[in-house]
Protein backbone atom coordinates (compact mmCIF):
# COMPACT_ATOMS: atom_id res chain seq x y z
CA MET A 1 15.95 11.74 -24.52
CA ASN A 2 13.97 11.52 -27.56
CA ARG A 3 13.73 7.74 -28.19
CA LYS A 4 10.54 6.32 -26.22
CA ILE A 5 10.32 2.83 -25.41
CA ILE A 6 7.33 1.02 -23.19
CA LEU A 7 7.88 -0.12 -20.07
CA LEU A 8 5.11 -2.55 -18.75
CA GLU A 9 5.24 -3.39 -14.97
CA HIS A 10 2.88 -3.17 -12.42
CA ARG A 11 4.68 -3.06 -9.17
CA PRO A 12 6.30 0.92 -8.15
CA ASP A 13 9.13 -0.25 -6.86
CA TYR A 14 10.42 -2.56 -9.94
CA ARG A 15 9.06 0.25 -11.98
CA ALA A 16 11.13 3.16 -10.54
CA ILE A 17 14.28 1.24 -10.70
CA TYR A 18 13.77 -0.27 -14.41
CA GLY A 19 12.98 3.25 -15.09
CA LEU A 20 15.90 4.74 -13.26
CA ASN A 21 17.91 2.50 -15.16
CA LEU A 22 16.88 2.94 -18.25
CA THR A 23 16.93 7.02 -18.35
CA VAL A 24 20.11 7.05 -16.99
CA TYR A 25 22.08 4.15 -18.91
CA ILE A 26 20.76 4.09 -22.58
CA GLY A 27 19.02 7.30 -22.63
CA VAL A 28 15.70 6.85 -23.56
CA GLU A 29 12.60 8.19 -22.37
CA VAL A 30 10.25 5.41 -20.32
CA LEU A 31 6.64 5.65 -20.87
CA VAL A 32 5.00 3.51 -18.02
CA ALA A 33 2.21 1.43 -18.60
CA VAL A 34 0.91 -1.13 -15.92
CA THR A 35 -2.00 -3.18 -18.34
CA VAL A 36 -1.72 -4.04 -21.95
CA LYS A 37 -4.11 -1.82 -22.76
CA ASP A 38 -1.89 0.99 -21.77
CA VAL A 39 0.73 -0.27 -23.89
CA VAL A 40 -1.92 -0.27 -26.96
CA ARG A 41 -2.74 3.66 -26.40
CA TYR A 42 0.88 4.50 -26.43
CA LEU A 43 1.07 2.12 -29.68
CA GLU A 44 -1.41 3.85 -31.08
CA GLU A 45 -0.42 7.77 -29.89
CA CYS A 46 3.13 7.87 -30.45
CA GLU A 47 6.62 6.32 -31.91
CA CYS A 48 7.78 3.70 -30.21
CA THR A 49 11.47 1.63 -30.02
CA LEU A 50 11.26 -0.76 -27.43
CA ILE A 51 9.10 -2.75 -25.45
CA PHE A 52 10.13 -4.13 -22.14
CA ILE A 53 7.88 -5.80 -20.15
CA ASP A 54 8.46 -7.47 -16.91
CA ALA A 55 5.69 -10.41 -17.31
CA LYS A 56 6.67 -12.87 -14.35
CA SER A 57 4.08 -10.79 -11.85
CA TYR A 58 1.31 -10.94 -14.21
CA VAL A 59 -1.31 -13.47 -13.90
CA ILE A 60 -1.74 -13.70 -17.41
CA ASP A 61 0.55 -14.05 -20.40
CA VAL A 62 0.74 -10.09 -21.00
CA GLY A 63 3.91 -10.77 -23.25
CA LEU A 64 1.84 -12.93 -25.66
CA GLU A 65 -0.75 -10.32 -25.49
CA VAL A 66 1.74 -7.85 -26.87
CA PHE A 67 3.00 -9.60 -29.38
CA ASN A 68 -0.29 -10.86 -30.22
CA TYR A 69 -0.79 -6.88 -30.78
CA LEU A 70 2.03 -6.72 -32.56
CA SER A 71 1.75 -9.43 -34.90
CA LYS A 72 -1.65 -8.14 -35.64
CA LYS A 73 -1.20 -4.51 -36.36
CA ASN A 74 1.91 -5.35 -38.65
CA LEU A 75 4.46 -3.43 -36.06
CA ASN A 76 8.70 -4.02 -36.36
CA ILE A 77 9.41 -3.10 -32.57
CA PRO A 78 11.75 -4.94 -30.82
CA CYS A 79 9.79 -6.28 -27.71
CA PHE A 80 11.75 -7.93 -24.34
CA ILE A 81 9.91 -10.06 -21.63
CA VAL A 82 11.53 -11.09 -18.15
CA GLY A 83 9.67 -14.21 -16.85
CA GLN A 84 7.72 -17.17 -18.86
CA THR A 85 5.66 -16.51 -22.23
CA LYS A 86 4.05 -18.25 -25.08
CA ALA A 87 4.65 -15.93 -27.23
CA LEU A 88 7.42 -16.52 -30.42
CA GLN A 89 11.04 -16.78 -28.96
CA ASP A 90 12.78 -16.39 -32.22
CA VAL A 91 10.96 -13.03 -32.77
CA VAL A 92 10.91 -11.50 -29.00
CA THR A 93 13.79 -11.64 -26.59
CA VAL A 94 12.71 -13.66 -23.76
CA PHE A 95 14.64 -13.66 -19.86
CA ASP A 96 14.83 -16.00 -17.50
CA PRO A 97 13.25 -14.30 -14.38
CA LYS A 98 16.83 -14.62 -12.18
CA THR A 99 18.64 -12.88 -15.40
CA ASP A 100 20.65 -10.11 -13.98
CA LEU A 101 19.74 -5.95 -14.40
CA LYS A 102 22.77 -4.99 -16.36
CA HIS A 103 22.75 -7.73 -18.24
CA ILE A 104 19.21 -6.97 -19.83
CA LEU A 105 20.10 -3.22 -20.27
CA GLN A 106 23.37 -4.19 -22.48
CA ASN A 107 21.44 -6.50 -24.42
CA ILE A 108 17.97 -3.69 -24.90
CA ALA A 109 21.27 -1.00 -25.32
CA LYS A 110 22.72 -3.26 -28.11
CA SER A 111 19.30 -3.93 -29.85
CA LEU A 112 19.02 0.41 -29.97
CA ASN A 113 22.76 0.71 -30.88
CA VAL A 114 23.56 2.62 -27.80
CA THR A 115 27.28 2.22 -26.72
CA SER A 116 29.00 3.11 -23.63
CA LEU A 117 31.33 5.64 -26.43
CA SER A 118 27.95 6.73 -27.40
CA MET A 119 26.75 7.38 -24.04
CA SER A 120 30.16 9.16 -22.97
CA LEU A 121 29.66 11.49 -25.73
CA ILE A 122 26.63 13.09 -24.38
CA LYS A 123 26.94 16.64 -23.48
CA HIS A 124 24.71 16.84 -20.17
CA PRO A 125 23.93 20.06 -18.03
CA LYS A 126 25.43 20.36 -14.66
CA TYR A 127 22.14 19.17 -13.46
CA PHE A 128 20.98 15.48 -14.34
CA PRO A 129 16.92 15.41 -14.70
CA LEU A 130 15.49 12.42 -12.99
CA PRO A 131 11.45 11.73 -13.47
CA THR A 132 9.63 12.33 -10.15
CA GLU A 133 7.57 8.91 -10.73
CA PHE A 134 10.40 7.14 -10.33
CA ILE A 135 11.96 8.38 -6.90
CA LEU A 136 10.93 5.91 -4.58
CA PRO A 137 10.48 7.20 -0.25
CA GLY A 138 12.59 5.29 1.37
CA TRP A 139 15.84 5.42 -0.24
CA GLU A 140 18.87 6.44 0.65
CA CYS A 141 20.57 9.20 -0.94
CA ALA A 142 24.34 8.37 -2.32
CA CYS A 143 23.98 11.50 -3.34
CA PRO A 144 22.65 15.28 -3.15
CA ILE A 145 18.99 15.16 -4.75
CA TYR A 146 18.05 18.80 -6.15
CA ARG A 147 15.00 20.80 -6.72
CA ASP A 148 14.78 23.54 -9.78
CA PHE A 149 13.96 26.61 -8.86
CA SER A 150 14.77 28.63 -12.46
CA LYS A 151 11.80 30.49 -12.18
CA LYS A 152 14.27 32.55 -9.95
CA ASP A 153 16.05 35.89 -11.21
CA THR A 154 19.20 34.86 -11.51
CA THR A 155 21.60 33.29 -14.00
CA ASP A 156 23.57 31.57 -11.53
CA ILE A 157 22.96 27.88 -12.05
CA ASP A 158 23.83 27.22 -8.73
CA LYS A 159 21.18 29.12 -7.17
CA ASN A 160 18.15 27.88 -9.13
CA PHE A 161 18.80 24.40 -7.69
CA GLU A 162 18.34 23.87 -4.37
CA ILE A 163 18.93 20.53 -2.56
CA LEU A 164 15.95 18.24 -1.20
CA PHE A 165 18.05 15.75 0.15
CA ASP A 166 21.27 15.50 1.19
CA THR A 167 23.95 12.45 1.12
CA GLY A 168 23.21 9.91 3.70
CA SER A 169 19.50 10.85 4.25
CA ILE A 170 15.82 9.03 3.38
CA ILE A 171 13.80 10.73 0.46
CA LEU A 172 10.60 11.42 2.44
CA ASN A 173 7.21 10.82 1.30
CA ASP A 174 5.87 13.57 2.43
CA THR A 175 8.32 15.69 0.16
CA ILE A 176 7.80 13.47 -2.95
CA GLU A 177 3.57 13.29 -2.65
CA GLY A 178 4.71 17.51 -2.73
CA LEU A 179 6.10 17.58 -5.85
CA GLU A 180 3.75 15.23 -7.46
CA HIS A 181 0.60 17.83 -5.60
CA GLU A 182 2.66 20.86 -7.73
CA ASN A 183 3.37 18.66 -10.75
CA ILE A 184 6.69 18.72 -11.01
CA LYS A 185 7.96 16.11 -13.03
CA TYR A 186 11.82 16.52 -12.67
CA ILE A 187 14.19 16.67 -9.59
CA TYR A 188 18.38 16.30 -10.15
CA VAL A 189 21.47 15.24 -9.47
CA GLU A 190 24.82 16.50 -10.64
CA SER A 191 25.53 14.67 -13.87
CA ASN A 192 28.79 13.08 -12.92
CA LEU A 193 27.07 11.36 -9.98
CA ARG A 194 24.05 10.04 -12.00
CA LEU A 195 25.34 6.43 -12.23
CA LYS A 196 26.35 6.95 -8.67
CA PHE A 197 22.45 7.20 -7.34
CA VAL A 198 21.01 4.90 -9.92
CA ASN A 199 23.41 2.42 -9.07
CA SER A 200 22.65 2.80 -4.92
CA LEU A 201 18.99 2.13 -5.94
CA THR A 202 20.06 -1.84 -6.37
CA LEU A 203 22.32 -2.49 -3.56
CA GLN A 204 20.03 -2.76 -0.69
CA ILE A 205 21.13 -1.85 2.38
CA SER A 206 20.69 -5.74 3.76
CA ALA A 207 24.20 -5.69 2.43
CA ARG A 208 25.10 -4.03 5.66
CA LEU A 209 22.97 -5.47 7.71
CA ASN A 210 24.53 -8.96 6.51
CA ASP A 211 27.63 -7.74 7.34
CA PRO A 212 29.31 -9.96 10.66
CA ASN A 213 31.64 -7.49 11.53
CA LEU A 214 28.84 -4.90 12.79
CA THR A 215 29.17 -3.79 15.88
CA TYR A 216 26.67 -3.05 18.41
CA GLU A 217 26.00 0.08 18.44
CA GLU A 218 26.17 -0.01 14.12
CA LYS A 219 23.42 -2.82 14.12
CA ILE A 220 21.31 -0.22 16.07
CA SER A 221 22.19 3.03 14.06
CA THR A 222 21.68 0.50 10.65
CA THR A 223 18.55 -1.10 11.29
CA ALA A 224 17.43 2.55 12.63
CA LYS A 225 17.72 3.31 9.12
CA ALA A 226 16.40 0.76 7.59
CA TYR A 227 13.28 0.72 9.72
CA GLN A 228 12.98 4.58 8.29
CA MET A 229 13.54 3.08 4.31
CA ILE A 230 10.87 0.17 5.02
CA GLN A 231 8.26 2.79 6.87
CA GLU A 232 8.38 5.38 4.23
CA GLN A 233 8.08 3.02 0.97
CA CYS A 234 4.94 1.04 3.22
CA ARG A 235 3.34 4.35 3.07
CA LYS A 236 3.79 4.57 -0.81
CA ILE A 237 3.63 1.61 -2.27
CA GLY A 238 2.39 -0.79 1.07
CA VAL A 239 4.19 -4.04 1.67
CA ALA A 240 6.28 -5.00 -1.52
CA ASP A 241 8.21 -8.63 -1.19
CA SER A 242 11.06 -6.56 -1.29
CA THR A 243 9.84 -4.93 1.62
CA ILE A 244 9.82 -8.24 3.57
CA ALA A 245 13.05 -9.23 2.49
CA LEU A 246 14.55 -5.88 3.60
CA ALA A 247 12.58 -5.99 6.82
CA ASN A 248 13.38 -10.00 7.70
CA ASP A 249 17.16 -9.18 7.49
CA CYS A 250 15.97 -5.62 10.03
CA ILE A 251 14.41 -7.90 12.48
CA LYS A 252 17.47 -10.59 12.10
CA VAL A 253 19.68 -7.83 13.71
CA MET A 254 17.13 -6.04 15.80
CA ASN A 255 17.11 -9.84 17.20
CA SER A 256 20.49 -10.23 17.96
CA VAL A 257 21.07 -6.68 19.46
CA VAL A 258 18.06 -8.08 22.11
CA GLU A 259 20.10 -11.23 22.66
CA PHE A 260 23.05 -9.66 23.41
CA SER A 261 22.09 -6.41 25.36
CA ALA A 262 23.31 -7.30 29.12
CA ASP A 263 20.49 -5.59 30.66
CA LEU A 264 17.43 -3.40 29.85
CA ASN A 265 19.89 0.01 31.33
CA PHE A 266 22.73 -1.19 28.88
CA LEU A 267 19.96 -1.20 25.58
CA LEU A 268 19.16 2.29 26.55
CA LYS A 269 22.20 3.82 27.30
CA LYS A 270 23.35 2.53 23.61
CA MET A 271 19.81 3.07 21.72
CA CYS A 272 20.07 6.34 23.25
CA SER A 273 23.44 7.39 22.10
CA GLU A 274 22.53 6.03 18.35
CA GLU A 275 20.36 8.09 15.98
CA GLY A 276 16.77 7.01 15.66
CA SER A 277 12.59 8.16 15.78
CA PHE A 278 10.26 7.48 18.50
CA LEU A 279 8.62 4.64 16.68
CA TYR A 280 12.06 2.40 15.97
CA ARG A 281 13.12 2.61 19.94
CA HIS A 282 9.70 1.43 20.53
CA SER A 283 9.92 -1.02 18.29
CA LEU A 284 13.40 -2.31 19.68
CA LEU A 285 12.45 -2.08 23.19
CA ILE A 286 9.10 -3.76 22.44
CA SER A 287 11.65 -6.85 21.12
CA TYR A 288 13.61 -6.71 24.26
CA ILE A 289 10.72 -6.89 26.71
CA GLY A 290 8.49 -9.50 24.63
CA ALA A 291 11.29 -11.95 24.22
CA HIS A 292 12.29 -11.98 27.86
CA ILE A 293 8.44 -12.52 28.27
CA ILE A 294 7.66 -15.60 26.12
CA LYS A 295 11.11 -17.04 27.42
CA ASN A 296 9.63 -17.20 30.50
CA MET A 297 5.94 -18.06 29.49
CA ASN A 298 5.37 -21.69 29.54
CA TRP A 299 4.13 -22.60 25.69
CA GLY A 300 7.16 -19.74 24.56
CA SER A 301 9.26 -20.71 21.94
CA ARG A 302 11.96 -19.70 19.50
CA GLU A 303 9.05 -19.60 16.64
CA GLN A 304 7.22 -17.29 18.95
CA GLN A 305 9.53 -15.40 19.88
CA GLU A 306 10.36 -14.66 16.22
CA LYS A 307 6.89 -14.01 15.37
CA PHE A 308 6.91 -10.92 17.90
CA SER A 309 10.03 -9.35 16.84
CA PHE A 310 8.29 -9.32 13.41
CA VAL A 311 5.31 -7.99 15.28
CA ALA A 312 6.75 -5.57 16.94
CA PHE A 313 8.38 -3.87 13.64
CA PHE A 314 5.58 -3.80 11.71
CA HIS A 315 2.63 -2.93 14.47
CA ASP A 316 2.63 1.15 13.81
CA ILE A 317 4.20 0.84 10.37
CA THR A 318 1.21 2.74 9.13
CA LEU A 319 1.80 5.68 11.77
CA SER A 320 3.40 8.31 9.93
CA ARG A 321 4.91 10.71 12.41
CA ASP A 322 6.11 9.44 15.64
CA GLU A 323 3.73 11.52 17.45
CA LEU A 324 1.35 9.53 16.60
CA ALA A 325 2.82 6.77 17.82
CA LYS A 326 2.40 8.74 21.66
CA PHE A 327 -1.26 8.17 22.25
CA THR A 328 -2.64 5.59 24.79
CA THR A 329 -5.96 6.26 25.29
CA ASP A 330 -8.96 7.25 22.64
CA ALA A 331 -9.87 9.92 25.02
CA GLU A 332 -6.51 11.80 24.48
CA VAL A 333 -6.58 11.08 20.82
CA LEU A 334 -10.24 12.51 20.61
CA ARG A 335 -8.93 15.84 22.98
CA SER A 336 -5.88 16.40 20.58
CA ASN A 337 -5.29 18.91 18.30
CA LEU A 338 -4.49 16.18 15.48
CA SER A 339 -6.97 16.76 11.97
CA GLU A 340 -9.79 14.34 11.78
CA ASP A 341 -7.98 12.20 9.39
CA ASP A 342 -4.87 11.74 11.62
CA LYS A 343 -7.38 11.04 14.58
CA LYS A 344 -8.84 8.07 12.46
CA LEU A 345 -5.72 6.93 11.20
CA VAL A 346 -4.54 6.52 15.57
CA LEU A 347 -7.45 4.75 16.67
CA ASN A 348 -7.81 1.87 13.74
CA HIS A 349 -3.82 2.14 12.84
CA ALA A 350 -3.41 -1.40 14.64
CA LEU A 351 -6.58 -2.58 11.99
CA ILE A 352 -4.94 -0.80 8.74
CA SER A 353 -1.44 -2.53 9.45
CA ALA A 354 -2.92 -5.75 10.01
CA LYS A 355 -4.64 -4.92 6.64
CA VAL A 356 -1.85 -3.89 4.72
CA LEU A 357 -0.04 -7.49 6.19
CA SER A 358 -2.65 -9.83 5.36
CA ARG A 359 -1.90 -8.66 1.62
CA ILE A 360 1.21 -10.59 2.18
CA LYS A 361 1.89 -14.29 1.79
CA THR A 362 5.05 -14.82 3.40
CA ILE A 363 4.54 -13.38 6.50
CA PRO A 364 4.58 -15.37 9.48
CA PHE A 365 1.51 -17.47 10.28
CA GLY A 366 -1.34 -15.71 12.08
CA ALA A 367 0.99 -12.21 13.12
CA ASP A 368 -1.09 -9.92 11.41
CA THR A 369 -3.93 -11.43 13.89
CA ILE A 370 -1.52 -9.86 16.06
CA VAL A 371 -0.91 -6.62 15.08
CA LYS A 372 -5.06 -6.14 14.55
CA GLN A 373 -5.11 -7.03 18.48
CA HIS A 374 -2.02 -5.50 19.83
CA HIS A 375 -3.78 -2.26 22.03
CA GLY A 376 -6.16 -5.30 23.35
CA ASN A 377 -9.51 -4.80 21.24
CA LYS A 378 -10.63 -7.79 18.90
CA ASN A 379 -11.29 -5.34 15.77
CA GLY A 380 -8.15 -2.65 15.81
CA LYS A 381 -10.46 -0.08 16.44
CA SER A 382 -9.23 1.51 19.44
CA LEU A 383 -6.50 2.44 21.44
CA SER A 384 -8.29 1.63 25.45
CA ASP A 385 -11.20 -0.80 24.93
CA ILE A 386 -10.14 -4.16 26.00
CA SER A 387 -11.69 -7.00 24.37
CA LEU A 388 -12.04 -10.51 26.20
CA GLY A 389 -10.39 -13.56 24.56
CA ILE A 390 -7.90 -11.70 22.65
CA SER A 391 -4.40 -14.03 21.58
CA PRO A 392 -2.44 -14.38 24.60
CA MET A 393 0.54 -12.90 22.01
CA ALA A 394 -1.58 -10.21 22.06
CA ILE A 395 -1.62 -10.00 25.59
CA VAL A 396 2.70 -10.14 25.71
CA PHE A 397 2.73 -7.36 23.38
CA ILE A 398 -0.01 -5.16 25.53
CA PHE A 399 2.41 -5.17 28.52
CA ALA A 400 5.73 -5.26 26.39
CA GLU A 401 4.18 -1.86 24.69
CA GLU A 402 3.26 -0.02 27.53
CA TYR A 403 6.27 -0.88 29.30
CA ALA A 404 8.16 0.69 26.71
CA HIS A 405 6.27 3.30 25.88
CA MET A 406 6.53 4.17 30.20
CA ILE A 407 10.28 4.22 29.77
CA LEU A 408 10.55 6.18 26.48
CA THR A 409 8.33 8.91 27.91
CA ARG A 410 9.99 9.42 31.44
CA GLU A 411 10.09 13.45 32.11
CA ASP A 412 13.84 12.51 33.03
CA SER A 413 15.47 9.93 30.73
CA SER A 414 18.86 9.82 32.33
CA SER A 415 16.93 8.57 35.30
CA GLU A 416 16.69 5.28 36.32
CA VAL A 417 13.21 2.85 35.37
CA ASP A 418 11.11 2.12 38.52
CA ASN A 419 10.66 -1.59 37.57
CA TYR A 420 8.02 -1.74 40.55
CA ALA A 421 6.25 1.09 39.57
CA ILE A 422 5.67 0.32 36.17
CA VAL A 423 4.67 -3.21 37.26
CA LYS A 424 2.12 -2.21 39.86
CA MET A 425 0.66 0.22 37.74
CA LEU A 426 0.03 -2.25 34.86
CA SER A 427 -0.94 -4.51 37.55
CA SER A 428 -3.99 -2.12 38.26
CA LYS A 429 -4.81 -1.47 34.72
CA TYR A 430 -4.65 -5.02 33.80
CA ASN A 431 -6.97 -6.59 36.93
CA LEU A 432 -8.20 -10.20 34.17
CA PRO A 433 -6.88 -13.46 34.96
CA ALA A 434 -5.49 -13.92 31.19
CA PHE A 435 -3.42 -11.04 32.08
CA ASN A 436 -2.22 -11.56 35.05
CA LYS A 437 0.13 -14.73 34.01
CA VAL A 438 2.47 -11.94 32.25
CA LEU A 439 2.66 -9.78 35.54
CA PRO A 440 5.14 -12.11 37.70
CA VAL A 441 7.34 -11.94 34.80
CA LEU A 442 7.88 -8.37 34.30
CA LYS A 443 8.99 -8.64 37.91
CA THR A 444 12.40 -10.40 36.90
CA LEU A 445 13.52 -8.37 33.98
CA LYS A 446 17.08 -7.73 34.50
CA PHE A 447 18.50 -4.18 34.77
């Protein structure tokens, strides 16, 4: 990879997809630029053979700015731009934003005189390097990913490489951050599987979620994996448009699970037989209980149910581990052995999650407010300090979450759910006029 091309893209998820495809399919070194100033710096520091710009996500015409710089410096470097630009299109190559990535790659390869034959003639080592900066947490591995431990005292190449993630596992944020901390620039896949790995990244799990032939059990297991993928990516890059798109597909399937669950015991039995984190099961149960409550409220509607499902999916999205979601009071958190940073996160996670969601234009109206109030505190800074005047949907959420929590944290998970005891406890804890309207509905849950 002696040829260098500049990639101008500020969105981490797009940088990752573009970067890996350019690395694997065209065999170039990709220099990532976030701003036009970065592009200029690269052009001044090294010899670059091509510039690829995804301009559609920038407010200013970055394509025109780069073009003007190239013209000013009399640099004859091919420039490929996705999106609108006022740059002279007989000099630069411009693609419609809807253009397939494969077509763009083919045009870049042609410009660099790279052919399928020339790529096939390159001799690769057994393990192919992938730049760590292009690996995002939340991706599902289509093949094993390895780490190089070549400093070991061995001549056996297979013993130098140890598996980081196996086939079918989700790439974890903590592992990626650990690699970055150690300044590890590359991880590896087997060379004969490199195309399979990169191709799989452009195939969203949405394809599986949208399969009309999924069984009830497959819907639970697939949404569990999608939930983990979204959670890991949110921790690294926040909630991007692609995250919301995948989440909406996931929520749609979760709603069908809720709708076709004969009763709560049926859902619990099926849910416990499939893999899934506490956080995921928590969200699915909250969706089920919340849907039951909303259907039986005089203000309930299909739109409100869908908004509630969205909130149930995202309310704990900033909590990185199951254990962090198991606290119910501020006192429990403060007495715990958690680090100070984790304590702050747990106590303020409602506010933090709401802020993350508020930056997204396409979320259901008011969903971020419900997320902020989902523990009953208007400011989202407490698990147990109840404020007056919170929204009716937040009140529903409080009951649904506490009910789900008590079910999932039973000492004997095989024992029957005691609905009468749970409702009695909730009635004692939330003896307020605004809350009393929900309690009678909880008594009618089907088991």
